[in-house]
Protein backbone atom coordinates (compact mmCIF):
# COMPACT_ATOMS: atom_id res chain seq x y z
CA MET A 1 0.00 0.00 0.00
CA ARG A 2 2.83 2.39 0.87
CA GLY A 3 4.47 1.69 -2.48
CA LYS A 4 1.24 2.45 -4.33
CA LEU A 5 0.75 5.69 -2.40
CA GLU A 6 4.29 6.80 -3.23
CA LYS A 7 3.73 5.89 -6.87
CA TYR A 8 0.54 7.91 -7.21
CA PHE A 9 1.99 10.81 -5.23
CA CYS A 10 4.87 10.91 -7.72
CA ILE A 11 2.42 10.77 -10.64
CA THR A 12 0.40 13.62 -9.11
CA CYS A 13 3.53 15.76 -8.71
CA GLY A 14 4.55 15.01 -12.29
CA THR A 15 1.16 15.93 -13.73
CA PHE A 16 1.20 19.12 -11.61
CA PHE A 17 4.38 20.29 -13.37
CA PHE A 18 3.06 19.06 -16.73
CA GLY A 19 -0.16 21.08 -16.40
CA MET A 20 1.76 24.14 -15.21
CA ALA A 21 4.06 23.97 -18.22
CA LEU A 22 1.20 23.72 -20.72
CA SER A 23 -1.01 26.45 -19.24
CA LEU A 24 1.53 29.01 -17.99
CA PHE A 25 4.25 28.76 -20.66
CA ILE A 26 3.41 26.77 -23.80
CA ASP A 27 -0.28 27.29 -24.57
CA PRO A 28 -0.35 31.11 -24.03
CA ASN A 29 2.54 31.50 -26.47
CA ASP A 30 0.91 29.39 -29.22
CA PHE A 31 3.47 26.58 -29.04
CA ALA A 32 2.43 23.04 -29.97
CA PRO A 33 5.36 20.83 -28.90
CA GLY A 34 4.15 17.59 -30.43
CA GLY A 35 2.11 14.74 -29.03
CA ALA A 36 -1.43 14.79 -27.67
CA SER A 37 -0.78 17.99 -25.71
CA GLY A 38 0.29 19.81 -28.86
CA LEU A 39 -2.75 18.52 -30.73
CA ALA A 40 -4.99 19.68 -27.87
CA ILE A 41 -3.49 23.19 -28.07
CA ILE A 42 -4.15 23.29 -31.82
CA LEU A 43 -7.76 22.10 -31.42
CA ASN A 44 -8.30 24.67 -28.67
CA ARG A 45 -7.98 27.36 -31.35
CA LEU A 46 -10.63 25.66 -33.47
CA VAL A 47 -13.26 24.48 -30.97
CA PRO A 48 -14.64 26.16 -27.80
CA LEU A 49 -13.19 23.70 -25.27
CA GLU A 50 -10.38 24.06 -22.74
CA THR A 51 -7.00 22.57 -23.62
CA GLY A 52 -7.06 20.18 -20.66
CA THR A 53 -10.50 18.89 -21.61
CA LEU A 54 -9.40 18.36 -25.21
CA TYR A 55 -6.30 16.55 -23.97
CA MET A 56 -8.50 14.12 -22.05
CA LEU A 57 -10.88 13.62 -24.99
CA ILE A 58 -7.99 12.87 -27.34
CA ASN A 59 -6.68 10.30 -24.90
CA ILE A 60 -9.96 8.40 -24.40
CA PRO A 61 -9.70 6.32 -27.62
CA ILE A 62 -5.96 5.92 -27.02
CA MET A 63 -6.64 4.58 -23.51
CA ILE A 64 -9.17 2.10 -24.88
CA PHE A 65 -6.63 0.98 -27.45
CA GLY A 66 -3.92 0.72 -24.77
CA ALA A 67 -6.14 -1.36 -22.48
CA TRP A 68 -6.89 -3.70 -25.39
CA LYS A 69 -3.25 -4.14 -26.38
CA PHE A 70 -1.40 -3.95 -23.04
CA GLY A 71 -3.98 -4.93 -20.41
CA ARG A 72 -5.75 -3.07 -17.63
CA LYS A 73 -2.79 -3.20 -15.24
CA PHE A 74 -0.73 -1.02 -17.56
CA ILE A 75 -3.53 1.40 -18.31
CA VAL A 76 -4.81 2.18 -14.77
CA ALA A 77 -1.86 4.35 -13.73
CA THR A 78 -1.71 5.90 -17.21
CA LEU A 79 -5.41 6.75 -17.06
CA TYR A 80 -4.90 8.44 -13.68
CA ALA A 81 -1.91 10.39 -15.03
CA THR A 82 -3.89 11.51 -18.08
CA PHE A 83 -6.86 12.59 -15.97
CA MET A 84 -4.70 14.58 -13.53
CA SER A 85 -2.80 16.19 -16.43
CA SER A 86 -6.14 17.39 -17.79
CA VAL A 87 -7.26 18.65 -14.37
CA PHE A 88 -4.06 20.62 -13.67
CA THR A 89 -3.96 22.00 -17.22
CA ASN A 90 -7.48 23.43 -16.84
CA LEU A 91 -6.73 24.64 -13.31
CA PHE A 92 -3.64 26.63 -14.29
CA GLN A 93 -5.46 28.19 -17.26
CA ARG A 94 -7.27 30.34 -14.68
CA PHE A 95 -3.97 32.17 -14.11
CA PRO A 96 -2.13 34.52 -16.49
CA ALA A 97 0.94 33.32 -18.36
CA LEU A 98 4.17 33.62 -16.38
CA THR A 99 5.94 35.02 -19.42
CA LYS A 100 5.05 36.17 -22.92
CA GLU A 101 8.69 36.16 -23.99
CA PRO A 102 8.77 33.28 -26.53
CA LEU A 103 12.35 32.20 -25.84
CA LEU A 104 11.83 31.98 -22.08
CA ALA A 105 8.50 30.21 -22.57
CA ALA A 106 10.05 27.62 -24.90
CA ILE A 107 12.96 26.88 -22.56
CA PHE A 108 11.15 26.81 -19.22
CA GLY A 109 7.99 25.27 -20.66
CA GLY A 110 9.97 22.48 -22.28
CA ALA A 111 11.95 21.88 -19.08
CA LEU A 112 8.80 21.68 -16.94
CA VAL A 113 7.10 19.30 -19.39
CA ALA A 114 10.17 17.04 -19.21
CA LEU A 115 10.27 17.21 -15.43
CA GLY A 116 6.60 16.28 -15.18
CA MET A 117 6.72 13.49 -17.75
CA GLY A 118 9.97 12.17 -16.28
CA LEU A 119 8.43 11.83 -12.82
CA VAL A 120 5.46 9.98 -14.31
CA LEU A 121 7.60 7.68 -16.46
CA ARG A 122 9.77 6.75 -13.49
CA THR A 123 6.73 5.15 -11.87
CA GLY A 124 6.16 2.92 -14.90
CA ALA A 125 3.13 4.92 -16.06
CA THR A 126 2.83 7.35 -18.97
CA THR A 127 0.90 10.53 -19.60
CA GLY A 128 -0.98 8.79 -22.39
CA GLY A 129 -1.15 10.15 -25.91
CA THR A 130 1.71 9.28 -28.23
CA ASP A 131 3.49 7.29 -25.49
CA VAL A 132 0.95 4.49 -25.90
CA ILE A 133 0.97 4.67 -29.70
CA VAL A 134 4.76 4.60 -29.86
CA LYS A 135 4.88 1.66 -27.43
CA TYR A 136 2.56 -0.30 -29.73
CA PHE A 137 4.44 0.49 -32.95
CA ARG A 138 7.72 -0.28 -31.20
CA GLN A 139 6.43 -3.77 -30.39
CA GLN A 140 5.23 -4.31 -33.95
CA ASN A 141 8.42 -2.90 -35.49
CA PRO A 142 11.35 -3.63 -33.15
CA HIS A 143 13.84 -2.37 -35.73
CA LEU A 144 12.45 1.17 -35.36
CA LYS A 145 13.91 3.20 -32.51
CA THR A 146 11.62 4.81 -29.97
CA GLY A 147 13.22 8.21 -30.48
CA THR A 148 12.62 8.00 -34.23
CA LEU A 149 8.93 7.23 -33.74
CA PHE A 150 8.48 10.11 -31.29
CA LEU A 151 10.29 12.42 -33.72
CA LEU A 152 7.94 11.47 -36.57
CA VAL A 153 4.78 11.99 -34.49
CA ASP A 154 5.95 15.23 -32.87
CA GLY A 155 7.16 16.55 -36.22
CA ALA A 156 3.74 16.01 -37.76
CA VAL A 157 1.98 17.87 -34.91
CA ILE A 158 4.47 20.75 -34.99
CA GLY A 159 4.05 21.03 -38.75
CA LEU A 160 0.26 21.16 -38.32
CA SER A 161 0.67 23.95 -35.76
CA GLY A 162 2.48 26.02 -38.36
CA ILE A 163 -0.52 25.71 -40.68
CA VAL A 164 -3.07 26.58 -37.97
CA PHE A 165 -1.13 29.46 -36.38
CA GLN A 166 0.34 30.60 -39.73
CA ASN A 167 3.52 31.64 -38.00
CA VAL A 168 6.92 30.13 -38.75
CA GLU A 169 8.38 31.49 -35.50
CA THR A 170 5.95 29.47 -33.38
CA VAL A 171 7.08 26.33 -35.21
CA LEU A 172 10.73 27.13 -34.51
CA TYR A 173 10.04 27.85 -30.84
CA SER A 174 8.07 24.60 -30.62
CA VAL A 175 11.08 22.73 -31.99
CA LEU A 176 13.28 24.46 -29.40
CA SER A 177 10.86 23.49 -26.64
CA VAL A 178 10.88 19.84 -27.75
CA THR A 179 14.69 19.87 -27.85
CA VAL A 180 14.95 21.29 -24.33
CA SER A 181 12.34 18.82 -23.13
CA SER A 182 14.27 15.88 -24.59
CA PHE A 183 17.50 16.97 -22.90
CA VAL A 184 15.93 17.57 -19.48
CA MET A 185 13.96 14.32 -19.61
CA ASP A 186 17.17 12.37 -20.16
CA LEU A 187 18.59 14.03 -17.05
CA VAL A 188 15.48 13.25 -15.01
CA LEU A 189 15.26 9.63 -16.14
CA TYR A 190 18.88 8.60 -16.54
CA GLY A 191 21.04 11.15 -14.75
CA ARG A 192 24.08 12.58 -16.45
CA ASP A 193 24.90 9.38 -18.29
CA GLY A 194 25.55 5.72 -17.85
CA ALA A 195 23.69 2.69 -16.66
CA LYS A 196 24.06 -0.37 -14.47
CA MET A 197 25.69 -3.60 -15.61
CA ILE A 198 24.25 -6.58 -13.73
CA TYR A 199 25.45 -10.18 -13.51
CA ILE A 200 23.06 -12.73 -11.99
CA VAL A 201 23.92 -16.32 -11.07
CA SER A 202 20.82 -18.35 -10.19
CA ASP A 203 19.34 -21.79 -10.70
CA HIS A 204 16.11 -20.01 -11.66
CA TYR A 205 17.72 -18.12 -14.50
CA GLU A 206 14.96 -18.88 -17.02
CA LYS A 207 12.20 -17.34 -14.87
CA ILE A 208 14.35 -14.32 -14.04
CA ALA A 209 15.34 -13.74 -17.67
CA GLY A 210 11.73 -14.10 -18.82
CA ARG A 211 10.53 -11.46 -16.37
CA LEU A 212 13.37 -9.10 -17.27
CA LEU A 213 12.45 -9.34 -20.95
CA GLU A 214 8.73 -8.83 -20.31
CA GLU A 215 8.57 -6.41 -17.36
CA VAL A 216 11.73 -4.32 -17.71
CA ASP A 217 11.95 -4.53 -21.52
CA ILE A 218 15.74 -4.94 -21.66
CA GLY A 219 18.06 -7.24 -23.52
CA VAL A 220 19.41 -10.26 -21.65
CA THR A 221 22.50 -12.33 -22.49
CA TYR A 222 23.37 -15.79 -21.15
CA LEU A 223 27.01 -16.44 -20.32
CA LYS A 224 28.28 -19.96 -19.67
CA GLY A 225 30.12 -20.45 -16.41
CA ILE A 226 31.38 -23.25 -14.19
CA GLY A 227 31.06 -23.23 -10.40
CA ALA A 228 34.54 -24.02 -9.08
CA TYR A 229 33.35 -25.54 -5.79
CA GLU A 230 30.97 -28.15 -7.27
CA ASN A 231 32.44 -28.09 -10.79
CA LYS A 232 28.93 -27.69 -12.26
CA ASP A 233 27.83 -25.71 -15.29
CA LYS A 234 26.14 -22.40 -14.51
CA GLN A 235 24.11 -20.02 -16.64
CA VAL A 236 25.03 -16.42 -15.87
CA ILE A 237 22.60 -13.64 -16.82
CA MET A 238 24.22 -10.43 -18.00
CA CYS A 239 22.18 -7.31 -18.69
CA VAL A 240 22.62 -3.56 -18.91
CA VAL A 241 19.81 -1.41 -17.58
CA LYS A 242 19.29 2.32 -17.25
CA LYS A 243 19.68 3.52 -13.69
CA PRO A 244 16.01 4.18 -12.80
CA SER A 245 15.10 0.59 -13.76
CA ALA A 246 17.91 -1.10 -11.83
CA PHE A 247 15.78 -1.39 -8.69
CA LYS A 248 13.16 -3.31 -10.70
CA VAL A 249 15.77 -5.86 -11.72
CA GLU A 250 16.79 -6.29 -8.08
CA GLU A 251 13.17 -6.82 -7.04
CA ILE A 252 12.60 -9.47 -9.71
CA VAL A 253 15.72 -11.38 -8.68
CA LYS A 254 14.76 -11.23 -4.99
CA GLN A 255 11.26 -12.49 -5.76
CA GLU A 256 12.40 -15.39 -7.92
CA ASP A 257 15.52 -16.44 -6.00
CA ALA A 258 16.47 -14.73 -2.74
CA ALA A 259 19.70 -16.76 -2.69
CA ALA A 260 20.84 -15.60 -6.14
CA PHE A 261 24.35 -14.20 -6.55
CA MET A 262 24.19 -10.74 -8.12
CA ILE A 263 26.88 -8.22 -9.06
CA ILE A 264 25.88 -4.63 -9.89
CA SER A 265 28.38 -2.16 -11.28
CA ASN A 266 28.30 1.22 -13.00
CA ALA A 267 28.65 1.35 -16.79
CA SER A 268 29.56 4.85 -17.91
CA GLU A 269 29.65 4.36 -21.69
CA ILE A 270 26.94 2.24 -23.36
CA TYR A 271 26.57 1.98 -27.13
CA GLY A 272 23.84 0.17 -29.01
CA GLU A 273 20.05 -0.11 -29.23
CA GLY A 274 18.35 1.98 -26.55
CA TYR A 275 21.56 3.84 -25.65
CA LYS A 276 24.08 5.88 -27.61
CA SER A 277 24.74 5.47 -31.29
CA TYR A 278 28.42 4.53 -31.65
CA PHE A 279 28.88 6.35 -34.95
CA GLY A 280 26.75 9.33 -33.89
CA GLU A 281 28.73 9.84 -30.68
CA ARG A 282 32.10 9.56 -32.38
CA ILE A 283 31.44 11.80 -35.38
């Protein structure tokens, strides 16, 4: 119960910052930084409904789709996050914008969006919208990177905002806001850089590996080893996980085999799928 309360408190704090960013920085300056929130801002100029209400309406069919594809367990926390995002967005619209300076609005609005979404994502939930759609397409097309899919969706919404607002500068500021948001979110979720490298020696390696693949969504590698004391073959699980998810790996191992031998170390430079691009970082 305590864990659930902490989880939903964190989601509430995240949606508080998310709603503040939309209503006090982004929406008043006609920015549409991609995703469902950007689409809600665009529709707000076309129909007489509040941005937060439109955000919730856009997410209703997405939530139904998410529940169908990923199950109710995944969608409950996401539904709560989406609802609270809508509530806080409408609440903060009662107050005047904190700044009408576009550059400041793009920077601080993008940073607050990232802070809010980062807090929500760290609980295992999402704020709905394109997060659910991208998750589905990522499962159907594993060769496509998550960042690429988000870029395509956000780019389409930002391009639409340019047509609706008929202002190239708002498009450029929206791009700046998305860029700032991406940078800050990486800091919130992953810290400065790096990850955890984990070695697990357990007789229940198949169950542990299966749960890591399904629940943490990370790659797992089996290494062959030999226990020197009994001279028996051992399967060693090796995986690399981003820092916020390391605790989840520990919990899975403890639940499946409390006597498992586990080594956790810092990995400061990770290249490959889900981390840095080797060629991109070197060029």
